[in-house]
Structure formats: C-alpha cells, structure tokens
C-alpha atoms as a PDB file:
ATOM      1  CA  UNK A   1      -0.707   6.424 -23.962  1.00  0.00           C
ATOM      2  CA  UNK A   2      -0.462   2.533 -23.834  1.00  0.00           C
ATOM      3  CA  UNK A   3      -2.775   0.425 -21.316  1.00  0.00           C
ATOM      4  CA  UNK A   4      -1.514   0.200 -17.760  1.00  0.00           C
ATOM      5  CA  UNK A   5      -2.437  -2.154 -15.056  1.00  0.00           C
ATOM      6  CA  UNK A   6      -2.493  -1.287 -11.205  1.00  0.00           C
ATOM      7  CA  UNK A   7       0.132  -3.995  -9.717  1.00  0.00           C
ATOM      8  CA  UNK A   8       2.033  -4.567  -6.776  1.00  0.00           C
ATOM      9  CA  UNK A   9       3.689  -7.443  -5.653  1.00  0.00           C
ATOM     10  CA  UNK A  10       2.560  -9.211  -2.349  1.00  0.00           C
ATOM     11  CA  UNK A  11       2.265 -12.158  -0.023  1.00  0.00           C
ATOM     12  CA  UNK A  12      -1.311 -13.933   0.076  1.00  0.00           C
ATOM     13  CA  UNK A  13      -2.670 -15.308   3.261  1.00  0.00           C
ATOM     14  CA  UNK A  14      -3.628 -18.629   3.419  1.00  0.00           C
ATOM     15  CA  UNK A  15      -7.374 -19.161   3.380  1.00  0.00           C
ATOM     16  CA  UNK A  16      -7.630 -20.680   7.203  1.00  0.00           C
ATOM     17  CA  UNK A  17      -5.627 -17.537   8.234  1.00  0.00           C
ATOM     18  CA  UNK A  18      -8.065 -15.036   6.171  1.00  0.00           C
ATOM     19  CA  UNK A  19     -11.170 -16.602   7.701  1.00  0.00           C
ATOM     20  CA  UNK A  20      -9.359 -16.398  11.336  1.00  0.00           C
ATOM     21  CA  UNK A  21      -8.501 -13.111  11.128  1.00  0.00           C
ATOM     22  CA  UNK A  22     -11.847 -11.601   9.683  1.00  0.00           C
ATOM     23  CA  UNK A  23     -13.655 -13.491  12.801  1.00  0.00           C
ATOM     24  CA  UNK A  24     -11.216 -12.067  15.150  1.00  0.00           C
ATOM     25  CA  UNK A  25     -11.616  -8.611  13.369  1.00  0.00           C
ATOM     26  CA  UNK A  26     -15.123  -8.726  13.653  1.00  0.00           C
ATOM     27  CA  UNK A  27     -15.061  -9.560  17.658  1.00  0.00           C
ATOM     28  CA  UNK A  28     -12.659  -6.813  18.523  1.00  0.00           C
ATOM     29  CA  UNK A  29     -13.792  -3.786  16.158  1.00  0.00           C
ATOM     30  CA  UNK A  30     -17.186  -2.270  15.946  1.00  0.00           C
ATOM     31  CA  UNK A  31     -18.924  -2.063  12.836  1.00  0.00           C
ATOM     32  CA  UNK A  32     -18.353   1.681  12.645  1.00  0.00           C
ATOM     33  CA  UNK A  33     -14.671   1.405  13.155  1.00  0.00           C
ATOM     34  CA  UNK A  34     -14.013   1.643   9.476  1.00  0.00           C
ATOM     35  CA  UNK A  35     -14.543  -0.237   6.067  1.00  0.00           C
ATOM     36  CA  UNK A  36     -13.706  -3.809   6.458  1.00  0.00           C
ATOM     37  CA  UNK A  37     -11.146  -5.430   3.953  1.00  0.00           C
ATOM     38  CA  UNK A  38     -12.736  -8.374   2.262  1.00  0.00           C
ATOM     39  CA  UNK A  39     -11.138 -11.921   3.494  1.00  0.00           C
ATOM     40  CA  UNK A  40     -10.006 -12.572  -0.482  1.00  0.00           C
ATOM     41  CA  UNK A  41      -8.297  -9.126  -0.183  1.00  0.00           C
ATOM     42  CA  UNK A  42      -6.041  -9.599   2.938  1.00  0.00           C
ATOM     43  CA  UNK A  43      -2.506  -9.528   1.838  1.00  0.00           C
ATOM     44  CA  UNK A  44       0.918  -8.175   2.663  1.00  0.00           C
ATOM     45  CA  UNK A  45       2.267  -5.850   0.107  1.00  0.00           C
ATOM     46  CA  UNK A  46       5.982  -6.253  -0.557  1.00  0.00           C
ATOM     47  CA  UNK A  47       6.474  -3.470  -3.258  1.00  0.00           C
ATOM     48  CA  UNK A  48       3.665  -1.518  -4.920  1.00  0.00           C
ATOM     49  CA  UNK A  49       4.306  -0.534  -8.455  1.00  0.00           C
ATOM     50  CA  UNK A  50       1.411   1.644  -9.515  1.00  0.00           C
ATOM     51  CA  UNK A  51      -0.114   2.048 -13.064  1.00  0.00           C
ATOM     52  CA  UNK A  52       2.470  -0.223 -15.024  1.00  0.00           C
ATOM     53  CA  UNK A  53       2.536  -0.808 -19.106  1.00  0.00           C
ATOM     54  CA  UNK A  54       2.645  -4.383 -20.463  1.00  0.00           C
ATOM     55  CA  UNK A  55       6.276  -4.135 -21.365  1.00  0.00           C
ATOM     56  CA  UNK A  56       7.187  -2.921 -17.691  1.00  0.00           C
ATOM     57  CA  UNK A  57       5.045  -6.039 -16.343  1.00  0.00           C
ATOM     58  CA  UNK A  58       7.152  -8.197 -18.418  1.00  0.00           C
ATOM     59  CA  UNK A  59      10.173  -6.772 -17.379  1.00  0.00           C
ATOM     60  CA  UNK A  60       9.445  -6.762 -13.553  1.00  0.00           C
ATOM     61  CA  UNK A  61       8.320 -10.300 -14.153  1.00  0.00           C
ATOM     62  CA  UNK A  62      11.583 -11.532 -15.535  1.00  0.00           C
ATOM     63  CA  UNK A  63      13.541  -9.448 -12.537  1.00  0.00           C
ATOM     64  CA  UNK A  64      11.226 -11.228 -10.020  1.00  0.00           C
ATOM     65  CA  UNK A  65      12.058 -14.781 -11.487  1.00  0.00           C
ATOM     66  CA  UNK A  66      15.598 -14.310 -10.889  1.00  0.00           C
ATOM     67  CA  UNK A  67      15.251 -13.779  -6.876  1.00  0.00           C
ATOM     68  CA  UNK A  68      16.480 -16.901  -5.006  1.00  0.00           C
ATOM     69  CA  UNK A  69      15.616 -16.955  -1.554  1.00  0.00           C
ATOM     70  CA  UNK A  70      14.625 -19.142   0.881  1.00  0.00           C
ATOM     71  CA  UNK A  71      11.034 -19.148   2.145  1.00  0.00           C
ATOM     72  CA  UNK A  72      10.141 -18.148   5.853  1.00  0.00           C
ATOM     73  CA  UNK A  73       7.442 -18.137   8.474  1.00  0.00           C
ATOM     74  CA  UNK A  74       5.508 -15.066   8.951  1.00  0.00           C
ATOM     75  CA  UNK A  75       4.005 -14.454  12.017  1.00  0.00           C
ATOM     76  CA  UNK A  76       1.277 -12.015  12.609  1.00  0.00           C
ATOM     77  CA  UNK A  77       1.125 -11.015  16.346  1.00  0.00           C
ATOM     78  CA  UNK A  78       0.856  -6.876  16.279  1.00  0.00           C
ATOM     79  CA  UNK A  79      -1.467  -4.551  15.184  1.00  0.00           C
ATOM     80  CA  UNK A  80      -2.252  -0.742  15.244  1.00  0.00           C
ATOM     81  CA  UNK A  81      -3.428   2.308  13.421  1.00  0.00           C
ATOM     82  CA  UNK A  82      -2.152   5.044  11.129  1.00  0.00           C
ATOM     83  CA  UNK A  83      -4.664   7.733  11.949  1.00  0.00           C
ATOM     84  CA  UNK A  84      -3.216  10.047   9.133  1.00  0.00           C
ATOM     85  CA  UNK A  85      -4.040   7.237   6.506  1.00  0.00           C
ATOM     86  CA  UNK A  86      -6.961   6.064   8.210  1.00  0.00           C
ATOM     87  CA  UNK A  87      -5.783   2.538   8.346  1.00  0.00           C
ATOM     88  CA  UNK A  88      -6.038  -0.385  10.938  1.00  0.00           C
ATOM     89  CA  UNK A  89      -3.482  -3.056  10.436  1.00  0.00           C
ATOM     90  CA  UNK A  90      -2.127  -6.355  11.453  1.00  0.00           C
ATOM     91  CA  UNK A  91       1.499  -6.904  11.365  1.00  0.00           C
ATOM     92  CA  UNK A  92       4.537  -8.570  13.107  1.00  0.00           C
ATOM     93  CA  UNK A  93       6.528  -7.763  16.189  1.00  0.00           C
ATOM     94  CA  UNK A  94       9.816  -9.222  14.653  1.00  0.00           C
ATOM     95  CA  UNK A  95       9.682  -9.401  10.876  1.00  0.00           C
ATOM     96  CA  UNK A  96      11.990 -12.276   9.662  1.00  0.00           C
ATOM     97  CA  UNK A  97      14.872 -11.552   8.066  1.00  0.00           C
ATOM     98  CA  UNK A  98      13.643 -13.655   4.483  1.00  0.00           C
ATOM     99  CA  UNK A  99      10.406 -10.824   4.409  1.00  0.00           C
ATOM    100  CA  UNK A 100      12.817  -7.679   4.797  1.00  0.00           C
ATOM    101  CA  UNK A 101      15.068  -9.073   2.004  1.00  0.00           C
ATOM    102  CA  UNK A 102      12.383 -10.025  -0.520  1.00  0.00           C
ATOM    103  CA  UNK A 103      10.579  -6.633  -0.095  1.00  0.00           C
ATOM    104  CA  UNK A 104      13.922  -4.892  -0.631  1.00  0.00           C
ATOM    105  CA  UNK A 105      14.945  -6.752  -3.731  1.00  0.00           C
ATOM    106  CA  UNK A 106      11.534  -6.074  -5.053  1.00  0.00           C
ATOM    107  CA  UNK A 107      11.402  -2.651  -4.253  1.00  0.00           C
ATOM    108  CA  UNK A 108      14.852  -1.907  -5.688  1.00  0.00           C
ATOM    109  CA  UNK A 109      14.052  -3.601  -8.735  1.00  0.00           C
ATOM    110  CA  UNK A 110      10.735  -1.672  -8.847  1.00  0.00           C
ATOM    111  CA  UNK A 111      12.796   1.827  -8.407  1.00  0.00           C
ATOM    112  CA  UNK A 112      15.146   0.870 -11.310  1.00  0.00           C
ATOM    113  CA  UNK A 113      12.290  -0.151 -13.436  1.00  0.00           C
ATOM    114  CA  UNK A 114      11.013   3.382 -12.798  1.00  0.00           C
ATOM    115  CA  UNK A 115       7.960   2.588 -10.301  1.00  0.00           C
ATOM    116  CA  UNK A 116       7.894   5.148  -7.779  1.00  0.00           C
ATOM    117  CA  UNK A 117       9.019   3.871  -4.288  1.00  0.00           C
ATOM    118  CA  UNK A 118       7.887   5.259  -1.183  1.00  0.00           C
ATOM    119  CA  UNK A 119      10.708   6.915   1.044  1.00  0.00           C
ATOM    120  CA  UNK A 120       8.864   5.683   4.275  1.00  0.00           C
ATOM    121  CA  UNK A 121      10.767   2.460   5.527  1.00  0.00           C
ATOM    122  CA  UNK A 122       9.001  -0.596   4.854  1.00  0.00           C
ATOM    123  CA  UNK A 123       6.388  -1.857   7.623  1.00  0.00           C
ATOM    124  CA  UNK A 124       4.925  -4.964   6.638  1.00  0.00           C
ATOM    125  CA  UNK A 125       1.199  -5.054   7.394  1.00  0.00           C
ATOM    126  CA  UNK A 126      -1.971  -6.563   6.489  1.00  0.00           C
ATOM    127  CA  UNK A 127      -4.472  -3.796   6.196  1.00  0.00           C
ATOM    128  CA  UNK A 128      -7.896  -4.652   8.352  1.00  0.00           C
ATOM    129  CA  UNK A 129      -9.886  -1.556   8.042  1.00  0.00           C
ATOM    130  CA  UNK A 130      -9.819   1.323   5.914  1.00  0.00           C
ATOM    131  CA  UNK A 131     -11.737   4.692   6.222  1.00  0.00           C
ATOM    132  CA  UNK A 132     -11.000   4.767  10.169  1.00  0.00           C
ATOM    133  CA  UNK A 133     -11.814   8.060  10.649  1.00  0.00           C
ATOM    134  CA  UNK A 134     -11.091   8.250  14.760  1.00  0.00           C
ATOM    135  CA  UNK A 135      -9.207   6.340  16.808  1.00  0.00           C
ATOM    136  CA  UNK A 136     -10.146   2.559  17.597  1.00  0.00           C
ATOM    137  CA  UNK A 137      -9.040   0.331  20.588  1.00  0.00           C
ATOM    138  CA  UNK A 138      -6.304  -2.440  19.699  1.00  0.00           C
ATOM    139  CA  UNK A 139      -6.773  -5.349  21.061  1.00  0.00           C
ATOM    140  CA  UNK A 140      -4.321  -6.646  23.738  1.00  0.00           C
ATOM    141  CA  UNK A 141      -1.351  -8.636  22.578  1.00  0.00           C
ATOM    142  CA  UNK A 142      -2.290 -12.488  22.569  1.00  0.00           C
ATOM    143  CA  UNK A 143      -3.299 -13.025  19.245  1.00  0.00           C
ATOM    144  CA  UNK A 144      -1.002 -14.858  16.912  1.00  0.00           C
ATOM    145  CA  UNK A 145      -1.091 -16.292  13.267  1.00  0.00           C
ATOM    146  CA  UNK A 146       1.639 -18.155  12.101  1.00  0.00           C
ATOM    147  CA  UNK A 147       2.172 -19.507   8.583  1.00  0.00           C
ATOM    148  CA  UNK A 148       5.230 -20.446   6.031  1.00  0.00           C
ATOM    149  CA  UNK A 149       5.678 -18.426   3.041  1.00  0.00           C
ATOM    150  CA  UNK A 150       6.926 -20.580   0.036  1.00  0.00           C
ATOM    151  CA  UNK A 151       5.820 -17.818  -2.646  1.00  0.00           C
ATOM    152  CA  UNK A 152       5.350 -14.236  -3.670  1.00  0.00           C
ATOM    153  CA  UNK A 153       2.614 -12.828  -6.113  1.00  0.00           C
ATOM    154  CA  UNK A 154       2.080 -10.370  -8.589  1.00  0.00           C
ATOM    155  CA  UNK A 155      -1.403  -8.622  -8.116  1.00  0.00           C
ATOM    156  CA  UNK A 156      -3.397  -6.419 -10.081  1.00  0.00           C
ATOM    157  CA  UNK A 157      -5.772  -4.191  -8.112  1.00  0.00           C
ATOM    158  CA  UNK A 158      -8.915  -3.142  -9.736  1.00  0.00           C
ATOM    159  CA  UNK A 159     -11.905  -0.912  -8.920  1.00  0.00           C
ATOM    160  CA  UNK A 160     -15.246  -2.820 -10.435  1.00  0.00           C
ATOM    161  CA  UNK A 161     -18.565  -1.741  -9.347  1.00  0.00           C
ATOM    162  CA  UNK A 162     -17.763   0.072  -6.568  1.00  0.00           C
ATOM    163  CA  UNK A 163     -15.542  -3.021  -4.933  1.00  0.00           C
ATOM    164  CA  UNK A 164     -11.525  -3.080  -4.887  1.00  0.00           C
ATOM    165  CA  UNK A 165     -10.424  -6.657  -6.233  1.00  0.00           C
ATOM    166  CA  UNK A 166      -7.050  -8.033  -6.381  1.00  0.00           C
ATOM    167  CA  UNK A 167      -6.350 -10.777  -8.772  1.00  0.00           C
ATOM    168  CA  UNK A 168      -3.194 -12.811  -8.704  1.00  0.00           C
ATOM    169  CA  UNK A 169      -1.354 -12.550 -12.260  1.00  0.00           C
ATOM    170  CA  UNK A 170       1.957 -14.412 -11.367  1.00  0.00           C
ATOM    171  CA  UNK A 171       3.717 -16.471  -8.726  1.00  0.00           C
ATOM    172  CA  UNK A 172       6.831 -17.427  -7.843  1.00  0.00           C
ATOM    173  CA  UNK A 173       8.281 -20.235  -5.491  1.00  0.00           C
ATOM    174  CA  UNK A 174      10.828 -19.247  -2.864  1.00  0.00           C
ATOM    175  CA  UNK A 175      13.288 -22.236  -2.414  1.00  0.00           C
ATOM    176  CA  UNK A 176      12.981 -24.750   0.279  1.00  0.00           C
ATOM    177  CA  UNK A 177      16.769 -24.401   1.548  1.00  0.00           C
ATOM    178  CA  UNK A 178      19.178 -21.619   1.723  1.00  0.00           C
END
C-alpha cells in the first residue's frame, strides 16, 4: 500500500484572531469543559480528504489551483456544541456566499477524486474543544471576530507524540475582485 497523508482543505485564522479566541475561550469555558484545541491548530475545515496518496494529492492540488473566486470577509459570531461528537465550536451566523461556494467546489472535487465526503450539510465552524463529555453553557451573543479571507490552504494532520499537529502544505490565493 502506498504511503498516504491525512489531508484537508481549510482556512487559516490570523494569529491575532487565534490569540483573541483562545483568551475568550479560557474566560468562558471551565477547564474541565473539554480538551482545548491549540491556538496554532484553530482553523475552519472546507473539505476533509482523509488518507491521500501522493498521486491523488497532486491531482487535488492541480484542481484547487484552478479555482477562481474572490476573497471574502469571515465573521465568527456564533457558538454551539454538538453533544454526539463531543465538540464545542465557533461559527458564523451568516456564512458568506464565497465561503459556501469555495467549500462546495472543494468538496465536489474531492468527491470526484474518490475522497469520501460526509452527506451532512456543510456547517462552517472552528473547533474550540474536543471531548466535551457534558453540556456546556454557551456564552451569550456579543462576541465577534471578522477578518478577510484571501487564501485557502491544504493541511496535513499528523498525530505526533500524543499531539495533533496541522501543517500547511500548499496555499492558493483568492482573487481580489469578482
């Protein structure tokens, strides 16, 4: 069996937003609420690819490079918890059209390339806590982080020495104008 890498397309959060989010999380969630995601790992997944061979990775990168769409502004202003998957998340009340289009294109390309795509509708979110084994109180509305999205990233997910690490492998710039 050829060597594979565990890959996904995602959006990187700016470093200042990462820091603001982790401080907000620390202020609003008890230490036993779940396992916090490291600041450097905070991202928004666009399309999960799974274990991918080098050939398939090259093909997916070529397809990603053909995407032409304008950048957009992402606003994180919603939060919630999925009890079944034991995740606390940060999301957007009104996903921008550009975000939904980009995720749709990447997920469709991934599916055509043989990467399983969940039948669940795309729910753009940033995972804040994993292993949240009990219901947590979600902070009231009023939090908000907005930032421009001008690129998307191909990440590799690795589990090394008991920790998950996401490494950016490739980046594609979104156009400035429609």
